[in-house]
Amino acid sequence: MTFNLELVDELKKRTNVSYADAKDALEQCNGNLLEALVYLEKHNKINDPSEEKSFLNRMKKLLKKGNNTRFIVCKKERTILDLSVTVTLIITVCAPYIVMPVLLLGLVTGHRMKFEGKNGEELKVNKTLHKLSDAVDTAKKKLSEDDTVTQ
């Protein structure tokens, strides 16, 4: 049985299925659009386009937030590195064996790391980063004191 393209297009548009699925449903239902809709629904072939759109919208929002948030490395009030979080994440995923040691080395050498929002606002994670930096500084001081005592 053959169907005109408008009928297949209409079914495809309403259900977000492939042309093959739309044609098959129409064949099974002898060209009846309503029956084809019910057939596709019974066989769980109807794709909800809102799921795809909501996922894409969430990804767009996340990307925009990542681009508006900055990862900043400073040493004595001088900015050494200022990158968007999106770029920072990409670099970290691509080269974790380089990034992690460099970050640890930065902490040991007295660099401070922070995240900054779009309008320069401090983020909550910065408290944790400051505590980490302070802990590393304290450990360095204790090690240097122990070193001078043993000599």
N, C-alpha and C. Protein backbone atom coordinates (compact mmCIF):
# COMPACT_ATOMS: atom_id res chain seq x y z
N MET A 1 0.84 -1.17 0.00
CA MET A 1 0.00 0.00 0.00
C MET A 1 0.90 1.24 0.00
N THR A 2 0.55 2.23 -0.77
CA THR A 2 1.35 3.46 -0.84
C THR A 2 0.58 4.60 -0.17
N PHE A 3 1.35 5.51 0.39
CA PHE A 3 0.77 6.66 1.08
C PHE A 3 1.43 7.91 0.54
N ASN A 4 0.69 9.00 0.57
CA ASN A 4 1.31 10.24 0.12
C ASN A 4 2.25 10.76 1.19
N LEU A 5 3.20 11.55 0.76
CA LEU A 5 4.24 12.05 1.64
C LEU A 5 3.68 12.96 2.73
N GLU A 6 2.60 13.69 2.45
CA GLU A 6 2.01 14.57 3.45
C GLU A 6 1.53 13.79 4.67
N LEU A 7 0.93 12.62 4.43
CA LEU A 7 0.43 11.81 5.54
C LEU A 7 1.59 11.29 6.39
N VAL A 8 2.65 10.83 5.74
CA VAL A 8 3.84 10.34 6.46
C VAL A 8 4.48 11.50 7.22
N ASP A 9 4.60 12.67 6.57
CA ASP A 9 5.18 13.84 7.23
C ASP A 9 4.36 14.27 8.45
N GLU A 10 3.05 14.24 8.32
CA GLU A 10 2.19 14.63 9.43
C GLU A 10 2.38 13.69 10.62
N LEU A 11 2.43 12.40 10.36
CA LEU A 11 2.63 11.42 11.43
C LEU A 11 4.02 11.59 12.05
N LYS A 12 5.00 11.80 11.21
CA LYS A 12 6.37 11.99 11.70
C LYS A 12 6.46 13.24 12.57
N LYS A 13 5.81 14.32 12.14
CA LYS A 13 5.84 15.57 12.89
C LYS A 13 5.15 15.43 14.25
N ARG A 14 4.03 14.75 14.28
CA ARG A 14 3.27 14.61 15.52
C ARG A 14 3.93 13.67 16.53
N THR A 15 4.67 12.68 16.03
CA THR A 15 5.21 11.65 16.93
C THR A 15 6.72 11.68 17.07
N ASN A 16 7.39 12.45 16.23
CA ASN A 16 8.85 12.53 16.26
C ASN A 16 9.49 11.16 16.05
N VAL A 17 8.95 10.40 15.08
CA VAL A 17 9.53 9.10 14.73
C VAL A 17 10.21 9.22 13.37
N SER A 18 10.91 8.17 12.98
CA SER A 18 11.59 8.18 11.68
C SER A 18 10.55 7.98 10.57
N TYR A 19 10.98 8.26 9.34
CA TYR A 19 10.09 8.05 8.20
C TYR A 19 9.71 6.57 8.09
N ALA A 20 10.66 5.70 8.36
CA ALA A 20 10.39 4.26 8.27
C ALA A 20 9.33 3.84 9.28
N ASP A 21 9.43 4.34 10.51
CA ASP A 21 8.43 3.99 11.53
C ASP A 21 7.07 4.57 11.17
N ALA A 22 7.05 5.79 10.66
CA ALA A 22 5.78 6.41 10.27
C ALA A 22 5.12 5.63 9.13
N LYS A 23 5.91 5.25 8.14
CA LYS A 23 5.39 4.48 7.00
C LYS A 23 4.88 3.13 7.47
N ASP A 24 5.65 2.46 8.33
CA ASP A 24 5.25 1.15 8.84
C ASP A 24 3.95 1.25 9.62
N ALA A 25 3.81 2.26 10.46
CA ALA A 25 2.58 2.43 11.25
C ALA A 25 1.38 2.68 10.34
N LEU A 26 1.57 3.49 9.33
CA LEU A 26 0.47 3.74 8.39
C LEU A 26 0.09 2.49 7.62
N GLU A 27 1.07 1.69 7.26
CA GLU A 27 0.78 0.42 6.58
C GLU A 27 0.01 -0.52 7.49
N GLN A 28 0.40 -0.60 8.74
CA GLN A 28 -0.27 -1.48 9.70
C GLN A 28 -1.71 -1.04 9.95
N CYS A 29 -1.97 0.24 9.79
CA CYS A 29 -3.29 0.80 10.11
C CYS A 29 -4.06 1.22 8.87
N ASN A 30 -3.66 0.71 7.72
CA ASN A 30 -4.35 0.96 6.45
C ASN A 30 -4.55 2.44 6.15
N GLY A 31 -3.53 3.25 6.48
CA GLY A 31 -3.56 4.65 6.12
C GLY A 31 -4.34 5.54 7.06
N ASN A 32 -4.87 5.00 8.15
CA ASN A 32 -5.63 5.79 9.12
C ASN A 32 -4.66 6.46 10.08
N LEU A 33 -4.64 7.78 10.05
CA LEU A 33 -3.68 8.55 10.85
C LEU A 33 -3.91 8.35 12.36
N LEU A 34 -5.15 8.39 12.79
CA LEU A 34 -5.45 8.21 14.21
C LEU A 34 -5.04 6.82 14.69
N GLU A 35 -5.36 5.81 13.90
CA GLU A 35 -4.96 4.44 14.25
C GLU A 35 -3.44 4.30 14.28
N ALA A 36 -2.76 4.97 13.36
CA ALA A 36 -1.30 4.92 13.32
C ALA A 36 -0.70 5.57 14.58
N LEU A 37 -1.31 6.66 15.03
CA LEU A 37 -0.87 7.30 16.28
C LEU A 37 -1.01 6.34 17.46
N VAL A 38 -2.16 5.68 17.54
CA VAL A 38 -2.40 4.73 18.63
C VAL A 38 -1.43 3.56 18.52
N TYR A 39 -1.20 3.08 17.30
CA TYR A 39 -0.27 1.97 17.07
C TYR A 39 1.14 2.33 17.57
N LEU A 40 1.61 3.51 17.20
CA LEU A 40 2.95 3.94 17.63
C LEU A 40 3.02 4.11 19.15
N GLU A 41 1.93 4.60 19.73
CA GLU A 41 1.90 4.78 21.18
C GLU A 41 1.95 3.44 21.90
N LYS A 42 1.19 2.46 21.39
CA LYS A 42 1.18 1.12 22.00
C LYS A 42 2.55 0.45 21.92
N HIS A 43 3.27 0.72 20.85
CA HIS A 43 4.59 0.11 20.65
C HIS A 43 5.74 0.98 21.18
N ASN A 44 5.39 2.00 21.98
CA ASN A 44 6.39 2.89 22.61
C ASN A 44 7.40 3.46 21.62
N LYS A 45 6.91 3.88 20.48
CA LYS A 45 7.81 4.43 19.47
C LYS A 45 7.77 5.95 19.42
N ILE A 46 6.84 6.55 20.14
CA ILE A 46 6.71 8.00 20.10
C ILE A 46 7.83 8.61 20.94
N ASN A 47 8.60 9.49 20.31
CA ASN A 47 9.70 10.17 21.00
C ASN A 47 9.22 11.54 21.44
N ASP A 48 9.44 11.84 22.70
CA ASP A 48 9.03 13.13 23.24
C ASP A 48 10.09 14.17 22.91
N PRO A 49 9.80 15.11 22.04
CA PRO A 49 10.81 16.11 21.67
C PRO A 49 11.17 17.03 22.83
N SER A 50 10.30 17.14 23.82
CA SER A 50 10.61 18.04 24.94
C SER A 50 11.79 17.52 25.75
N GLU A 51 11.98 16.18 25.81
CA GLU A 51 13.13 15.63 26.52
C GLU A 51 14.43 16.08 25.86
N GLU A 52 14.46 15.99 24.54
CA GLU A 52 15.66 16.41 23.81
C GLU A 52 15.90 17.90 24.00
N LYS A 53 14.85 18.68 23.91
CA LYS A 53 15.00 20.13 24.05
C LYS A 53 15.42 20.50 25.46
N SER A 54 14.84 19.83 26.46
CA SER A 54 15.19 20.19 27.83
C SER A 54 16.64 19.83 28.12
N PHE A 55 17.12 18.70 27.58
CA PHE A 55 18.52 18.33 27.77
C PHE A 55 19.42 19.36 27.10
N LEU A 56 19.08 19.74 25.88
CA LEU A 56 19.87 20.74 25.18
C LEU A 56 19.83 22.08 25.91
N ASN A 57 18.67 22.44 26.41
CA ASN A 57 18.56 23.70 27.16
C ASN A 57 19.41 23.67 28.41
N ARG A 58 19.41 22.52 29.12
CA ARG A 58 20.24 22.41 30.32
C ARG A 58 21.72 22.50 29.96
N MET A 59 22.10 21.87 28.86
CA MET A 59 23.50 21.92 28.43
C MET A 59 23.90 23.34 28.04
N LYS A 60 23.00 24.05 27.36
CA LYS A 60 23.28 25.44 26.98
C LYS A 60 23.45 26.32 28.22
N LYS A 61 22.56 26.14 29.21
CA LYS A 61 22.66 26.92 30.45
C LYS A 61 23.96 26.61 31.18
N LEU A 62 24.31 25.33 31.23
CA LEU A 62 25.54 24.93 31.91
C LEU A 62 26.76 25.50 31.21
N LEU A 63 26.76 25.46 29.88
CA LEU A 63 27.87 26.02 29.11
C LEU A 63 27.97 27.53 29.32
N LYS A 64 26.83 28.19 29.33
CA LYS A 64 26.82 29.64 29.54
C LYS A 64 27.34 29.98 30.94
N LYS A 65 26.92 29.21 31.94
CA LYS A 65 27.39 29.44 33.31
C LYS A 65 28.89 29.19 33.40
N GLY A 66 29.37 28.13 32.72
CA GLY A 66 30.80 27.84 32.71
C GLY A 66 31.61 28.93 32.03
N ASN A 67 31.05 29.51 30.99
CA ASN A 67 31.75 30.60 30.29
C ASN A 67 31.75 31.89 31.11
N ASN A 68 30.73 32.08 31.94
CA ASN A 68 30.64 33.29 32.76
C ASN A 68 31.40 33.17 34.08
N THR A 69 31.79 31.96 34.46
CA THR A 69 32.53 31.75 35.70
C THR A 69 34.00 31.58 35.36
N ARG A 70 34.85 32.24 36.13
CA ARG A 70 36.29 32.25 35.85
C ARG A 70 37.04 31.43 36.89
N PHE A 71 38.10 30.74 36.45
CA PHE A 71 39.04 30.07 37.34
C PHE A 71 40.30 30.93 37.33
N ILE A 72 40.68 31.42 38.51
CA ILE A 72 41.78 32.38 38.60
C ILE A 72 42.85 31.84 39.54
N VAL A 73 44.10 31.94 39.09
CA VAL A 73 45.25 31.57 39.92
C VAL A 73 46.05 32.85 40.16
N CYS A 74 46.29 33.15 41.44
CA CYS A 74 47.02 34.37 41.82
C CYS A 74 48.20 34.02 42.71
N LYS A 75 49.19 34.90 42.70
CA LYS A 75 50.28 34.81 43.67
C LYS A 75 50.58 36.23 44.12
N LYS A 76 50.40 36.46 45.42
CA LYS A 76 50.62 37.78 46.01
C LYS A 76 49.87 38.87 45.25
N GLU A 77 48.58 38.68 45.10
CA GLU A 77 47.69 39.66 44.45
C GLU A 77 47.96 39.87 42.96
N ARG A 78 48.83 39.09 42.38
CA ARG A 78 49.10 39.19 40.94
C ARG A 78 48.43 38.01 40.24
N THR A 79 47.61 38.28 39.24
CA THR A 79 46.90 37.22 38.52
C THR A 79 47.86 36.52 37.56
N ILE A 80 47.98 35.22 37.74
CA ILE A 80 48.85 34.40 36.90
C ILE A 80 48.06 33.76 35.77
N LEU A 81 46.84 33.31 36.09
CA LEU A 81 46.01 32.60 35.12
C LEU A 81 44.56 33.00 35.33
N ASP A 82 43.85 33.26 34.25
CA ASP A 82 42.44 33.63 34.32
C ASP A 82 41.73 32.99 33.13
N LEU A 83 41.05 31.87 33.38
CA LEU A 83 40.37 31.12 32.32
C LEU A 83 38.91 30.90 32.68
N SER A 84 38.07 30.72 31.67
CA SER A 84 36.68 30.34 31.95
C SER A 84 36.68 28.90 32.47
N VAL A 85 35.67 28.58 33.24
CA VAL A 85 35.57 27.23 33.80
C VAL A 85 35.40 26.21 32.68
N THR A 86 34.74 26.58 31.60
CA THR A 86 34.57 25.67 30.47
C THR A 86 35.92 25.27 29.89
N VAL A 87 36.77 26.24 29.64
CA VAL A 87 38.11 25.96 29.11
C VAL A 87 38.92 25.15 30.12
N THR A 88 38.81 25.52 31.39
CA THR A 88 39.53 24.80 32.44
C THR A 88 39.11 23.34 32.48
N LEU A 89 37.82 23.08 32.37
CA LEU A 89 37.33 21.70 32.36
C LEU A 89 37.84 20.93 31.15
N ILE A 90 37.81 21.54 29.99
CA ILE A 90 38.29 20.88 28.77
C ILE A 90 39.76 20.51 28.91
N ILE A 91 40.56 21.44 29.40
CA ILE A 91 41.99 21.18 29.58
C ILE A 91 42.19 20.06 30.60
N THR A 92 41.44 20.10 31.69
CA THR A 92 41.57 19.08 32.74
C THR A 92 41.19 17.70 32.22
N VAL A 93 40.14 17.62 31.43
CA VAL A 93 39.72 16.33 30.88
C VAL A 93 40.74 15.81 29.87
N CYS A 94 41.29 16.70 29.06
CA CYS A 94 42.24 16.29 28.02
C CYS A 94 43.62 15.95 28.58
N ALA A 95 44.02 16.62 29.65
CA ALA A 95 45.38 16.41 30.17
C ALA A 95 45.40 16.36 31.69
N PRO A 96 44.69 15.41 32.30
CA PRO A 96 44.63 15.39 33.77
C PRO A 96 45.97 15.11 34.43
N TYR A 97 46.85 14.35 33.76
CA TYR A 97 48.14 14.00 34.34
C TYR A 97 49.12 15.18 34.32
N ILE A 98 48.77 16.21 33.59
CA ILE A 98 49.58 17.43 33.59
C ILE A 98 48.95 18.46 34.53
N VAL A 99 47.63 18.60 34.46
CA VAL A 99 46.93 19.63 35.22
C VAL A 99 47.02 19.39 36.73
N MET A 100 46.78 18.17 37.17
CA MET A 100 46.78 17.90 38.62
C MET A 100 48.13 18.18 39.28
N PRO A 101 49.24 17.68 38.73
CA PRO A 101 50.53 18.02 39.35
C PRO A 101 50.83 19.52 39.32
N VAL A 102 50.44 20.20 38.24
CA VAL A 102 50.67 21.64 38.16
C VAL A 102 49.86 22.37 39.24
N LEU A 103 48.62 21.95 39.47
CA LEU A 103 47.82 22.57 40.53
C LEU A 103 48.43 22.32 41.90
N LEU A 104 48.90 21.10 42.15
CA LEU A 104 49.55 20.79 43.42
C LEU A 104 50.83 21.61 43.59
N LEU A 105 51.60 21.70 42.52
CA LEU A 105 52.82 22.51 42.55
C LEU A 105 52.49 23.97 42.84
N GLY A 106 51.41 24.44 42.24
CA GLY A 106 50.98 25.82 42.48
C GLY A 106 50.63 26.05 43.94
N LEU A 107 49.95 25.09 44.56
CA LEU A 107 49.62 25.22 45.98
C LEU A 107 50.88 25.26 46.84
N VAL A 108 51.84 24.39 46.52
CA VAL A 108 53.07 24.32 47.30
C VAL A 108 53.90 25.59 47.15
N THR A 109 53.84 26.21 45.98
CA THR A 109 54.65 27.41 45.74
C THR A 109 53.93 28.70 46.15
N GLY A 110 52.80 28.58 46.85
CA GLY A 110 52.14 29.77 47.39
C GLY A 110 51.12 30.42 46.48
N HIS A 111 50.72 29.76 45.42
CA HIS A 111 49.69 30.31 44.54
C HIS A 111 48.31 30.07 45.18
N ARG A 112 47.40 30.98 44.95
CA ARG A 112 46.03 30.87 45.45
C ARG A 112 45.10 30.70 44.26
N MET A 113 44.13 29.81 44.42
CA MET A 113 43.17 29.55 43.35
C MET A 113 41.78 29.96 43.82
N LYS A 114 40.99 30.50 42.89
CA LYS A 114 39.63 30.89 43.24
C LYS A 114 38.75 30.87 41.99
N PHE A 115 37.46 30.82 42.24
CA PHE A 115 36.46 30.91 41.18
C PHE A 115 35.72 32.21 41.37
N GLU A 116 35.45 32.87 40.25
CA GLU A 116 34.78 34.17 40.30
C GLU A 116 33.59 34.15 39.36
N GLY A 117 32.46 34.64 39.84
CA GLY A 117 31.24 34.69 39.04
C GLY A 117 31.28 35.80 38.00
N LYS A 118 30.17 35.93 37.31
CA LYS A 118 30.08 36.88 36.20
C LYS A 118 30.40 38.32 36.61
N ASN A 119 29.89 38.75 37.72
CA ASN A 119 30.10 40.14 38.16
C ASN A 119 31.19 40.24 39.22
N GLY A 120 32.09 39.29 39.24
CA GLY A 120 33.19 39.32 40.19
C GLY A 120 32.84 38.78 41.56
N GLU A 121 31.64 38.20 41.71
CA GLU A 121 31.25 37.71 43.03
C GLU A 121 32.01 36.42 43.36
N GLU A 122 32.33 36.29 44.62
CA GLU A 122 33.04 35.11 45.12
C GLU A 122 32.05 33.95 45.22
N LEU A 123 32.51 32.76 44.91
CA LEU A 123 31.67 31.57 45.01
C LEU A 123 31.96 30.82 46.30
N LYS A 124 31.02 29.99 46.72
CA LYS A 124 31.14 29.27 47.99
C LYS A 124 32.35 28.34 48.02
N VAL A 125 32.72 27.79 46.89
CA VAL A 125 33.84 26.85 46.83
C VAL A 125 35.16 27.53 47.20
N ASN A 126 35.21 28.84 47.11
CA ASN A 126 36.45 29.56 47.42
C ASN A 126 36.86 29.42 48.89
N LYS A 127 35.88 29.29 49.79
CA LYS A 127 36.21 29.08 51.21
C LYS A 127 37.03 27.80 51.36
N THR A 128 36.60 26.76 50.67
CA THR A 128 37.31 25.48 50.73
C THR A 128 38.70 25.61 50.11
N LEU A 129 38.79 26.31 48.99
CA LEU A 129 40.09 26.49 48.35
C LEU A 129 41.04 27.30 49.24
N HIS A 130 40.52 28.31 49.93
CA HIS A 130 41.36 29.11 50.84
C HIS A 130 41.83 28.26 52.02
N LYS A 131 40.93 27.42 52.56
CA LYS A 131 41.32 26.53 53.66
C LYS A 131 42.41 25.56 53.20
N LEU A 132 42.27 25.05 51.98
CA LEU A 132 43.27 24.13 51.43
C LEU A 132 44.62 24.84 51.28
N SER A 133 44.60 26.04 50.76
CA SER A 133 45.84 26.81 50.60
C SER A 133 46.47 27.10 51.95
N ASP A 134 45.65 27.46 52.93
CA ASP A 134 46.17 27.72 54.28
C ASP A 134 46.77 26.46 54.89
N ALA A 135 46.11 25.33 54.68
CA ALA A 135 46.63 24.06 55.22
C ALA A 135 47.97 23.71 54.59
N VAL A 136 48.11 23.93 53.29
CA VAL A 136 49.38 23.66 52.62
C VAL A 136 50.46 24.61 53.14
N ASP A 137 50.12 25.88 53.32
CA ASP A 137 51.08 26.85 53.86
C ASP A 137 51.53 26.45 55.27
N THR A 138 50.58 26.03 56.10
CA THR A 138 50.91 25.59 57.46
C THR A 138 51.81 24.37 57.43
N ALA A 139 51.51 23.42 56.57
CA ALA A 139 52.33 22.22 56.45
C ALA A 139 53.74 22.57 55.98
N LYS A 140 53.86 23.51 55.06
CA LYS A 140 55.19 23.95 54.59
C LYS A 140 55.99 24.58 55.73
N LYS A 141 55.32 25.42 56.52
CA LYS A 141 56.00 26.07 57.64
C LYS A 141 56.48 25.04 58.66
N LYS A 142 55.62 24.05 58.96
CA LYS A 142 56.01 23.02 59.92
C LYS A 142 57.19 22.21 59.40
N LEU A 143 57.16 21.89 58.11
CA LEU A 143 58.26 21.14 57.52
C LEU A 143 59.56 21.93 57.56
N SER A 144 59.46 23.22 57.27
CA SER A 144 60.69 24.04 57.29
C SER A 144 61.19 24.23 58.72
N GLU A 145 60.28 24.33 59.70
CA GLU A 145 60.69 24.43 61.10
C GLU A 145 61.35 23.14 61.57
N ASP A 146 60.75 22.01 61.19
CA ASP A 146 61.33 20.71 61.55
C ASP A 146 62.69 20.54 60.91
N ASP A 147 62.83 21.05 59.72
CA ASP A 147 64.10 20.94 58.99
C ASP A 147 65.19 21.75 59.68
N THR A 148 64.85 22.95 60.16
CA THR A 148 65.85 23.79 60.82
C THR A 148 66.20 23.25 62.21
N VAL A 149 65.26 22.60 62.87
CA VAL A 149 65.50 22.04 64.20
C VAL A 149 66.44 20.84 64.11
N THR A 150 66.28 20.02 63.08
CA THR A 150 67.11 18.82 62.95
C THR A 150 68.51 19.13 62.49
N GLN A 151 68.75 20.29 61.94
CA GLN A 151 70.10 20.60 61.45
C GLN A 151 70.95 21.13 62.50
